[in-house]
Protein backbone atom coordinates (compact mmCIF):
# COMPACT_ATOMS: atom_id res chain seq x y z
CA MET A 1 87.60 98.97 91.02
CA LEU A 2 85.22 101.21 89.15
CA ASN A 3 82.47 100.55 91.73
CA LEU A 4 84.22 102.56 94.43
CA ASP A 5 81.98 104.67 96.63
CA PRO A 6 82.35 108.48 96.42
CA LEU A 7 84.09 108.73 99.83
CA THR A 8 86.74 106.21 98.80
CA LEU A 9 87.27 108.01 95.49
CA ILE A 10 87.76 111.32 97.31
CA SER A 11 90.17 109.67 99.75
CA ARG A 12 92.20 108.22 96.90
CA LEU A 13 92.24 111.54 95.10
CA ILE A 14 93.59 113.33 98.17
CA THR A 15 96.14 110.57 98.69
CA LEU A 16 97.14 110.78 95.03
CA VAL A 17 97.76 114.51 95.18
CA ILE A 18 99.82 114.32 98.36
CA ALA A 19 101.73 111.09 97.74
CA LEU A 20 102.76 111.66 94.13
CA THR A 21 103.53 115.34 94.68
CA PHE A 22 105.84 114.62 97.60
CA HIS A 23 107.38 111.69 95.71
CA GLU A 24 108.41 113.83 92.74
CA PHE A 25 109.35 116.81 94.91
CA ALA A 26 111.70 114.53 96.87
CA HIS A 27 113.45 113.57 93.62
CA ALA A 28 113.74 117.22 92.59
CA LYS A 29 114.90 118.46 96.00
CA THR A 30 117.56 115.76 96.33
CA ALA A 31 118.91 116.39 92.83
CA ASP A 32 118.98 120.12 93.53
CA ALA A 33 120.83 119.49 96.81
CA PHE A 34 123.51 117.60 94.89
CA GLY A 35 123.96 120.54 92.51
CA ASP A 36 121.80 119.55 89.54
CA PRO A 37 119.82 122.63 88.40
CA THR A 38 117.68 120.63 85.94
CA PRO A 39 114.61 120.10 88.18
CA ARG A 40 114.61 123.77 89.18
CA MET A 41 114.89 124.84 85.54
CA HIS A 42 111.85 122.70 84.69
CA GLY A 43 109.76 124.09 87.54
CA ARG A 44 109.75 120.85 89.53
CA LEU A 45 111.21 122.20 92.77
CA THR A 46 107.73 122.89 94.11
CA LEU A 47 104.93 121.24 96.09
CA ASN A 48 102.37 122.46 93.56
CA PRO A 49 100.64 119.25 92.40
CA LEU A 50 100.01 120.68 88.93
CA ALA A 51 103.76 120.63 88.29
CA HIS A 52 104.01 116.89 88.94
CA LEU A 53 100.76 115.00 88.23
CA ASP A 54 100.24 113.00 85.06
CA PRO A 55 96.57 112.70 83.92
CA LEU A 56 96.64 108.99 83.06
CA GLY A 57 98.78 108.07 86.04
CA SER A 58 96.42 109.99 88.30
CA LEU A 59 93.38 108.12 86.98
CA MET A 60 95.17 104.81 87.46
CA MET A 61 95.95 105.74 91.04
CA VAL A 62 92.34 106.60 91.79
CA PHE A 63 90.71 103.58 90.14
CA ALA A 64 93.40 100.89 90.29
CA GLY A 65 95.22 101.79 93.50
CA PHE A 66 98.56 102.60 91.84
CA GLY A 67 99.76 105.22 89.42
CA TRP A 68 102.53 107.55 88.46
CA ALA A 69 103.43 111.19 88.04
CA ARG A 70 105.56 113.00 85.46
CA PRO A 71 109.19 111.97 85.98
CA VAL A 72 111.52 114.66 87.28
CA PRO A 73 114.27 115.41 84.71
CA VAL A 74 117.71 114.83 86.22
CA ASN A 75 121.16 115.27 84.69
CA PRO A 76 123.41 112.58 86.26
CA TYR A 77 126.54 114.40 85.06
CA ALA A 78 125.61 117.47 87.12
CA LEU A 79 125.44 115.58 90.42
CA GLY A 80 129.07 116.07 91.43
CA LYS A 81 132.08 113.79 91.67
CA ARG A 82 130.21 110.87 93.21
CA SER A 83 127.46 111.04 90.61
CA SER A 84 126.58 107.34 90.74
CA ALA A 85 125.87 107.43 94.48
CA ALA A 86 124.07 110.76 94.13
CA TYR A 87 121.91 109.44 91.29
CA MET A 88 120.99 106.43 93.43
CA LEU A 89 120.00 108.72 96.32
CA VAL A 90 117.95 110.91 93.98
CA SER A 91 116.09 107.79 92.83
CA LEU A 92 115.69 106.48 96.37
CA ALA A 93 114.33 109.79 97.66
CA GLY A 94 110.93 109.27 96.02
CA PRO A 95 110.05 105.92 97.66
CA LEU A 96 111.52 107.13 100.97
CA SER A 97 109.18 110.12 100.90
CA ASN A 98 106.22 107.74 100.63
CA PHE A 99 107.53 105.66 103.54
CA LEU A 100 107.82 108.87 105.56
CA LEU A 101 104.26 109.95 104.70
CA ALA A 102 102.98 106.50 105.70
CA ALA A 103 104.86 106.65 109.01
CA LEU A 104 103.53 110.12 109.83
CA ALA A 105 99.95 109.13 108.99
CA ALA A 106 100.31 106.03 111.17
CA ILE A 107 101.00 108.02 114.36
CA PRO A 108 97.31 108.56 115.31
CA LEU A 109 96.60 104.87 114.70
CA ARG A 110 99.74 103.67 116.48
CA PHE A 111 98.90 105.58 119.66
CA ASN A 112 95.15 104.88 119.52
CA LEU A 113 94.23 108.52 119.06
CA LEU A 114 91.33 107.40 116.87
CA ASN A 115 88.79 104.77 117.87
CA PRO A 116 86.54 103.77 114.97
CA LEU A 117 84.48 101.45 117.22
CA SER A 118 83.37 104.02 119.78
CA GLY A 119 83.99 107.27 117.90
CA GLY A 120 81.56 109.26 115.80
CA GLY A 121 81.15 109.28 112.05
CA LEU A 122 83.91 111.84 111.51
CA GLU A 123 86.36 109.77 113.56
CA VAL A 124 85.49 106.65 111.58
CA ALA A 125 85.94 108.51 108.28
CA LEU A 126 89.31 109.89 109.40
CA PHE A 127 90.43 106.45 110.57
CA ASN A 128 89.49 104.92 107.21
CA PHE A 129 91.21 107.75 105.31
CA LEU A 130 94.46 107.38 107.25
CA SER A 131 94.40 103.60 106.82
CA GLN A 132 94.02 103.95 103.06
CA PHE A 133 96.57 106.78 102.96
CA ILE A 134 99.15 104.60 104.69
CA PHE A 135 98.44 101.57 102.53
CA LEU A 136 98.56 103.45 99.22
CA ASN A 137 101.79 105.22 100.14
CA LEU A 138 103.34 101.88 100.99
CA ILE A 139 102.16 100.52 97.63
CA LEU A 140 103.85 103.44 95.86
CA ALA A 141 107.03 102.99 97.86
CA PHE A 142 107.39 99.24 97.35
CA PHE A 143 106.22 99.32 93.73
CA ASN A 144 108.75 102.01 92.80
CA LEU A 145 111.56 99.98 94.38
CA ILE A 146 111.05 97.14 91.88
CA PRO A 147 114.33 96.93 89.89
CA LEU A 148 112.77 97.53 86.49
CA ALA A 149 113.04 100.64 84.32
CA PRO A 150 111.55 103.20 84.44
CA LEU A 151 110.91 102.67 88.16
CA ASP A 152 113.19 104.16 90.80
CA GLY A 153 114.35 100.72 91.86
CA ASP A 154 116.20 100.32 88.56
CA LYS A 155 118.81 102.93 89.50
CA VAL A 156 118.89 101.88 93.15
CA ALA A 157 119.55 98.26 92.17
CA GLU A 158 122.16 99.26 89.60
CA TYR A 159 124.19 100.95 92.33
CA PHE A 160 124.08 98.03 94.77
CA PHE A 161 124.15 95.08 92.37
CA PRO A 162 127.48 93.38 91.59
CA PRO A 163 128.83 94.20 88.10
CA SER A 164 127.49 91.03 86.47
CA TRP A 165 123.97 91.68 87.77
CA ALA A 166 124.17 95.36 86.82
CA GLN A 167 125.06 94.34 83.25
CA THR A 168 122.01 92.08 83.11
CA LEU A 169 119.91 94.96 84.42
CA GLU A 170 121.28 97.20 81.67
CA ARG A 171 120.44 94.66 78.97
CA ILE A 172 116.80 94.34 80.04
CA ARG A 173 116.36 98.07 80.72
CA PRO A 174 114.95 98.88 77.23
CA TYR A 175 112.26 96.23 77.78
CA GLY A 176 111.37 97.38 81.30
CA PRO A 177 108.13 99.18 80.38
CA ILE A 178 106.92 96.20 78.34
CA ILE A 179 107.73 93.80 81.18
CA LEU A 180 105.84 96.03 83.60
CA LEU A 181 102.79 96.13 81.33
CA VAL A 182 102.79 92.34 81.02
CA LEU A 183 103.14 91.89 84.79
CA LEU A 184 100.53 94.53 85.61
CA PHE A 185 97.87 93.77 83.01
CA GLY A 186 98.75 90.70 80.92
CA LEU A 187 99.38 88.06 83.57
CA PRO A 188 96.48 89.11 85.86
CA MET A 189 94.11 88.43 82.94
CA LEU A 190 95.39 84.85 83.14
CA GLY A 191 94.89 84.75 86.88
CA ILE A 192 98.57 85.32 87.70
CA ASP A 193 99.17 88.27 90.02
CA VAL A 194 102.95 88.51 90.38
CA PHE A 195 102.99 91.93 92.00
CA GLY A 196 100.23 90.99 94.42
CA ALA A 197 102.13 87.90 95.50
CA LEU A 198 105.43 89.77 95.89
CA LEU A 199 104.34 93.14 97.26
CA ILE A 200 101.20 92.68 99.34
CA PRO A 201 102.83 90.51 102.09
CA PRO A 202 105.65 93.01 102.88
CA ILE A 203 103.24 95.95 102.53
CA ARG A 204 100.88 94.39 105.05
CA THR A 205 103.78 93.61 107.38
CA VAL A 206 105.05 97.19 107.31
CA TYR A 207 101.50 98.52 107.65
CA PHE A 208 100.93 96.56 110.85
CA LEU A 209 104.38 97.48 112.16
CA LEU A 210 103.58 101.16 111.64
CA THR A 211 100.05 101.09 113.02
CA GLY A 212 100.57 98.53 115.77
């Protein structure tokens, strides 16, 4: 998508800064709430984007529509007596923050506060920005819930899976990044878009539910 127009690039950049910053801050804030001082010690308990953004992940977000930030360091053993549940909630907090951002951005569209057909240029631009903001946040949320390391869904799935499934998840965990690279870049070169087939239908469904 290197032929994006300047307005779309700016919209994605703004979305990137907000979405990834809130995603990582949600991880840090939740871990801190459960008593883990690690994110605070590493300066991650902040909404300053510079503390969270990763250069390569940011470029991927702008040009490819998905990306990543620097992972928040968390010490599972500092999360209290119910550390497994707390660790799951820390992992889940990131995707939930993106769902929340999408829901908030959808309010003007849901209640027809913007009319791109009869409004002026500024109203059309704002409508398009909010639409893209919602869609990209939903992409981040759903993508991060995939049960593959190092995505958040790995720890969420480990908590809810039965023991036999969790053991399988643990065995494939070291290969998670390689599997992701193959699914993201290898298979699409062969015309096989696994993530598109799995994620785009529920993302579109949630988008239309939010926006009406």
